[in-house]
Amino acid sequence: MLQDLIIPQPDIAAALALHHYAPISLSKMGRVALLNRTDTKYVLPLATLQRIMPQLTEVYSVLVVQGKHASHYRTLYFDSADFTLYHRHHAGILDRYKVRAREYVDSHLAFLEVKHKTNKGRTIKSRMQTPELADEIGVETAAFLHDTLPFDPARLEPKLWVAYDRITLVSELRQERVTIDLNLAFSWQDETVSLPQLVIVEVKQDGFSTQSGMIRLLRQNQVQPLGFSKYCMGVSLLYSQIKHNNFKPKLRLVQKLAQGQPHVYLH
């Protein structure tokens, strides 16, 4: 079960030197909400992250919620019966959407979210709070989706569970936050794929800048940006009948990194 796939919090904090970072509370995160932003993603092995984290303590703070340096996320993605949203991404269409219900497990908060990647490379996120994680589209959530999604909400149905632990760093120098996702697990029905050695780092900025401390350090360690969709990767791994030819190079890379092999370039 997804709720069982959680790295013990002390292990994360110790392995990544998180106690050496200045803490920041959830109430002070508003200044880096960045709901309209640029995202730069990186995929790397856990060993590389462990090597670089002690080098960033002077330029980032770490979000601490209820005494924990990492928060557990549980997400349910929605799509049409024929995977319209997935296929738009697979086809390389720049103007695309993801629909997901997300639960912040530790703080007992839940939202329905629409993530819009524009053809200008911007990411725009809209969300509404829900009493609990929404596992179906109801009247209120359908109304929200009508206003934020150019697809009929009645066509949407649950397709994929994703769980992971997230560390959030906040830059001390610029309008930027960095999310670090570990212990990634995909699940649907009775099948689960977990990738405990894989790390997804996402640098979120108002406008892209190479002056980011995380970007500079990743570059020094030969880790290059790589587009990565948790939803598309999970569908590719768990739905063998769905076309995923365009994602095969990333699937091979994920397999290597999940086995702890050094980072390699995609050509």
Protein backbone atom coordinates (compact mmCIF):
# COMPACT_ATOMS: atom_id res chain seq x y z
CA MET A 1 0.00 0.00 0.00
CA LEU A 2 1.20 3.54 -0.76
CA GLN A 3 0.84 4.69 2.82
CA ASP A 4 3.39 2.07 3.87
CA LEU A 5 6.07 3.38 1.49
CA ILE A 6 7.48 6.13 3.72
CA ILE A 7 11.15 6.71 4.54
CA PRO A 8 11.55 7.20 8.32
CA GLN A 9 11.96 10.94 8.93
CA PRO A 10 15.17 10.67 11.01
CA ASP A 11 16.83 8.80 8.14
CA ILE A 12 16.11 11.61 5.69
CA ALA A 13 17.28 14.36 8.04
CA ALA A 14 20.51 12.60 8.94
CA ALA A 15 21.37 11.38 5.45
CA LEU A 16 20.88 14.82 3.89
CA ALA A 17 22.31 17.01 6.66
CA LEU A 18 18.96 18.78 7.04
CA HIS A 19 19.59 19.75 10.66
CA HIS A 20 22.35 22.07 9.39
CA TYR A 21 19.83 24.19 7.46
CA ALA A 22 18.00 27.12 9.03
CA PRO A 23 14.32 26.18 9.43
CA ILE A 24 11.43 28.05 7.83
CA SER A 25 7.80 27.60 8.85
CA LEU A 26 4.82 26.96 6.60
CA SER A 27 3.35 30.37 7.51
CA LYS A 28 6.33 32.11 5.90
CA MET A 29 6.11 30.24 2.60
CA GLY A 30 3.72 32.74 1.03
CA ARG A 31 6.55 34.82 -0.41
CA VAL A 32 7.59 31.90 -2.62
CA ALA A 33 4.15 30.55 -3.54
CA LEU A 34 5.08 31.01 -7.24
CA LEU A 35 1.80 29.74 -8.67
CA ASN A 36 2.88 31.25 -12.02
CA ARG A 37 6.50 30.29 -12.52
CA THR A 38 9.23 28.54 -14.46
CA ASP A 39 10.15 24.99 -13.41
CA THR A 40 13.47 23.28 -14.05
CA LYS A 41 13.56 19.58 -13.22
CA TYR A 42 16.46 17.23 -12.59
CA VAL A 43 16.50 13.46 -12.07
CA LEU A 44 19.43 12.00 -10.15
CA PRO A 45 20.43 9.11 -7.88
CA LEU A 46 20.03 9.46 -4.13
CA ALA A 47 23.81 9.17 -3.67
CA THR A 48 24.38 12.37 -5.66
CA LEU A 49 21.84 14.25 -3.56
CA GLN A 50 23.52 13.05 -0.36
CA ARG A 51 26.82 14.39 -1.67
CA ILE A 52 25.61 17.89 -2.56
CA MET A 53 23.15 18.72 0.23
CA PRO A 54 25.79 19.67 2.85
CA GLN A 55 27.11 22.28 0.38
CA LEU A 56 23.87 24.30 0.24
CA THR A 57 23.26 25.13 3.90
CA GLU A 58 24.33 28.79 3.54
CA VAL A 59 22.00 29.65 0.65
CA TYR A 60 18.77 27.81 1.53
CA SER A 61 16.44 27.31 4.47
CA VAL A 62 14.45 24.11 4.87
CA LEU A 63 10.71 23.91 5.47
CA VAL A 64 9.91 22.27 8.80
CA VAL A 65 6.33 21.21 9.52
CA GLN A 66 5.42 19.76 12.92
CA GLY A 67 9.10 19.14 13.60
CA LYS A 68 9.61 17.19 10.37
CA HIS A 69 12.02 18.13 7.58
CA ALA A 70 10.17 16.08 4.98
CA SER A 71 6.46 15.84 4.27
CA HIS A 72 4.63 12.85 2.87
CA TYR A 73 2.48 13.53 -0.20
CA ARG A 74 -0.24 11.30 -1.63
CA THR A 75 -1.61 12.18 -5.06
CA LEU A 76 -4.35 10.78 -7.27
CA TYR A 77 -4.20 11.75 -10.96
CA PHE A 78 -7.28 12.00 -13.17
CA ASP A 79 -7.58 11.57 -16.92
CA SER A 80 -10.17 10.59 -19.50
CA ALA A 81 -10.91 6.94 -20.26
CA ASP A 82 -8.66 7.17 -23.32
CA PHE A 83 -5.87 9.08 -21.48
CA THR A 84 -6.30 12.36 -23.37
CA LEU A 85 -4.10 14.39 -20.99
CA TYR A 86 -1.36 11.75 -21.03
CA HIS A 87 -1.35 11.51 -24.83
CA ARG A 88 -1.03 15.27 -25.23
CA HIS A 89 2.15 15.16 -23.16
CA HIS A 90 3.42 12.07 -24.98
CA ALA A 91 2.87 13.82 -28.32
CA GLY A 92 5.00 16.75 -27.18
CA ILE A 93 2.16 19.28 -27.17
CA LEU A 94 3.46 22.24 -25.17
CA ASP A 95 0.08 23.52 -24.01
CA ARG A 96 -0.99 20.76 -21.62
CA TYR A 97 -2.74 20.04 -18.34
CA LYS A 98 -2.60 17.68 -15.39
CA VAL A 99 -5.46 17.16 -12.94
CA ARG A 100 -4.73 15.74 -9.51
CA ALA A 101 -6.09 15.42 -6.00
CA ARG A 102 -3.31 15.87 -3.47
CA GLU A 103 -3.15 15.15 0.22
CA TYR A 104 -0.50 16.62 2.48
CA VAL A 105 -0.56 13.66 4.81
CA ASP A 106 1.24 15.17 7.82
CA SER A 107 -0.80 18.38 7.93
CA HIS A 108 -4.10 16.70 6.96
CA LEU A 109 -4.75 19.15 4.12
CA ALA A 110 -6.15 18.20 0.71
CA PHE A 111 -6.58 20.05 -2.58
CA LEU A 112 -7.80 19.44 -6.09
CA GLU A 113 -5.26 20.95 -8.47
CA VAL A 114 -4.96 21.81 -12.14
CA LYS A 115 -1.42 22.24 -13.42
CA HIS A 116 -1.18 24.05 -16.74
CA LYS A 117 2.09 24.06 -18.69
CA THR A 118 1.80 26.84 -21.25
CA ASN A 119 3.41 26.99 -24.68
CA LYS A 120 5.58 29.79 -23.26
CA GLY A 121 7.21 27.41 -20.78
CA ARG A 122 5.36 28.78 -17.76
CA THR A 123 3.67 26.61 -15.15
CA ILE A 124 0.36 27.90 -13.78
CA LYS A 125 -1.21 26.04 -10.87
CA SER A 126 -4.81 26.48 -9.71
CA ARG A 127 -6.29 24.64 -6.77
CA MET A 128 -9.25 24.38 -4.44
CA GLN A 129 -9.17 22.97 -0.92
CA THR A 130 -11.26 19.85 -0.30
CA PRO A 131 -12.32 18.27 3.03
CA GLU A 132 -10.32 15.15 2.18
CA LEU A 133 -8.51 13.76 -0.82
CA ALA A 134 -11.06 13.76 -3.65
CA ASP A 135 -11.19 10.32 -5.26
CA GLU A 136 -13.94 11.34 -7.68
CA ILE A 137 -15.19 14.48 -9.41
CA GLY A 138 -18.21 15.88 -7.53
CA VAL A 139 -20.43 18.90 -8.09
CA GLU A 140 -18.13 21.46 -6.42
CA THR A 141 -14.94 20.10 -7.92
CA ALA A 142 -16.57 19.94 -11.37
CA ALA A 143 -17.45 23.63 -11.10
CA PHE A 144 -13.83 24.44 -10.25
CA LEU A 145 -12.59 22.37 -13.19
CA HIS A 146 -15.03 24.05 -15.58
CA ASP A 147 -13.30 27.35 -14.76
CA THR A 148 -9.70 26.11 -14.99
CA LEU A 149 -9.62 23.25 -17.49
CA PRO A 150 -10.52 23.31 -21.23
CA PHE A 151 -11.88 19.74 -21.03
CA ASP A 152 -15.19 18.35 -19.85
CA PRO A 153 -14.73 17.37 -16.16
CA ALA A 154 -17.37 14.65 -16.63
CA ARG A 155 -14.81 12.76 -18.73
CA LEU A 156 -12.29 12.55 -15.89
CA GLU A 157 -11.72 9.42 -13.84
CA PRO A 158 -8.98 8.26 -11.44
CA LYS A 159 -5.96 6.74 -13.17
CA LEU A 160 -2.87 6.67 -10.95
CA TRP A 161 -1.74 6.96 -7.32
CA VAL A 162 1.63 8.55 -6.62
CA ALA A 163 3.30 8.86 -3.21
CA TYR A 164 6.59 10.41 -2.19
CA ASP A 165 8.42 12.33 0.52
CA ARG A 166 9.16 15.99 -0.24
CA ILE A 167 11.82 18.29 1.16
CA THR A 168 11.33 21.98 0.39
CA LEU A 169 14.21 24.45 0.35
CA VAL A 170 13.71 28.22 0.20
CA SER A 171 16.43 30.46 -1.22
CA GLU A 172 17.90 33.07 1.07
CA LEU A 173 18.97 35.15 -1.94
CA ARG A 174 16.18 35.17 -4.54
CA GLN A 175 12.55 34.40 -5.30
CA GLU A 176 13.06 30.66 -5.54
CA ARG A 177 12.17 27.43 -3.87
CA VAL A 178 13.46 23.93 -4.52
CA THR A 179 11.47 20.74 -4.02
CA ILE A 180 13.25 17.44 -3.56
CA ASP A 181 11.11 14.33 -3.99
CA LEU A 182 12.30 10.97 -2.65
CA ASN A 183 10.91 7.51 -2.10
CA LEU A 184 8.74 7.78 -5.20
CA ALA A 185 6.08 5.09 -5.59
CA PHE A 186 3.42 4.58 -8.28
CA SER A 187 0.38 2.40 -7.73
CA TRP A 188 -2.80 1.36 -9.46
CA GLN A 189 -5.12 -1.43 -8.40
CA ASP A 190 -2.88 -4.22 -7.07
CA GLU A 191 0.37 -3.16 -8.73
CA THR A 192 3.03 -0.87 -7.22
CA VAL A 193 6.38 0.30 -8.55
CA SER A 194 8.68 2.00 -6.02
CA LEU A 195 11.90 3.86 -6.84
CA PRO A 196 13.69 4.53 -3.52
CA GLN A 197 17.07 5.34 -5.13
CA LEU A 198 15.63 7.97 -7.49
CA VAL A 199 15.41 11.68 -6.67
CA ILE A 200 13.52 14.42 -8.51
CA VAL A 201 14.74 17.96 -7.88
CA GLU A 202 12.63 20.85 -9.16
CA VAL A 203 13.84 24.45 -9.05
CA LYS A 204 10.88 26.85 -9.09
CA GLN A 205 11.58 30.47 -9.96
CA ASP A 206 9.69 33.57 -11.04
CA GLY A 207 12.01 33.66 -14.07
CA PHE A 208 14.79 31.21 -14.91
CA SER A 209 18.21 32.15 -13.50
CA THR A 210 21.42 30.14 -13.61
CA GLN A 211 22.47 31.94 -10.42
CA SER A 212 20.41 29.45 -8.41
CA GLY A 213 22.64 27.70 -5.91
CA MET A 214 21.01 24.34 -6.61
CA ILE A 215 21.29 24.71 -10.39
CA ARG A 216 24.95 25.69 -10.19
CA LEU A 217 25.82 22.76 -7.91
CA LEU A 218 23.92 20.23 -10.02
CA ARG A 219 25.71 21.50 -13.11
CA GLN A 220 29.05 21.10 -11.34
CA ASN A 221 28.08 17.47 -10.70
CA GLN A 222 27.22 16.89 -14.38
CA VAL A 223 23.48 16.68 -13.74
CA GLN A 224 21.56 18.32 -16.58
CA PRO A 225 17.90 19.45 -16.66
CA LEU A 226 15.43 16.80 -17.71
CA GLY A 227 11.69 17.11 -18.21
CA PHE A 228 9.97 14.57 -15.98
CA SER A 229 6.27 14.06 -15.35
CA LYS A 230 5.39 11.79 -12.43
CA TYR A 231 2.02 11.09 -14.01
CA CYS A 232 3.42 10.17 -17.42
CA MET A 233 6.17 8.06 -15.90
CA GLY A 234 3.70 6.20 -13.70
CA VAL A 235 1.35 5.53 -16.60
CA SER A 236 4.29 4.29 -18.70
CA LEU A 237 5.34 1.91 -15.92
CA LEU A 238 1.93 0.56 -14.92
CA TYR A 239 -0.16 0.67 -18.11
CA SER A 240 1.76 -1.51 -20.57
CA GLN A 241 -0.99 -1.21 -23.18
CA ILE A 242 -0.68 2.60 -23.38
CA LYS A 243 1.69 3.99 -26.02
CA HIS A 244 4.91 5.29 -24.44
CA ASN A 245 7.51 5.09 -27.21
CA ASN A 246 8.54 8.73 -26.77
CA PHE A 247 9.25 8.12 -23.09
CA LYS A 248 11.46 5.05 -23.56
CA PRO A 249 14.78 6.95 -23.23
CA LYS A 250 13.60 8.41 -19.91
CA LEU A 251 12.36 5.03 -18.75
CA ARG A 252 15.82 3.56 -19.41
CA LEU A 253 17.44 6.44 -17.53
CA VAL A 254 15.05 6.02 -14.62
CA GLN A 255 15.87 2.32 -14.48
CA LYS A 256 19.61 3.05 -14.30
CA LEU A 257 19.27 5.76 -11.69
CA ALA A 258 16.87 3.67 -9.63
CA GLN A 259 19.62 1.06 -9.43
CA GLY A 260 21.99 3.68 -8.07
CA GLN A 261 24.07 4.01 -11.23
CA PRO A 262 25.82 7.35 -11.97
CA HIS A 263 23.91 9.99 -13.87
CA VAL A 264 24.08 9.62 -17.65
CA TYR A 265 23.03 11.99 -20.40
CA LEU A 266 20.05 11.52 -22.67
CA HIS A 267 20.75 12.02 -26.36
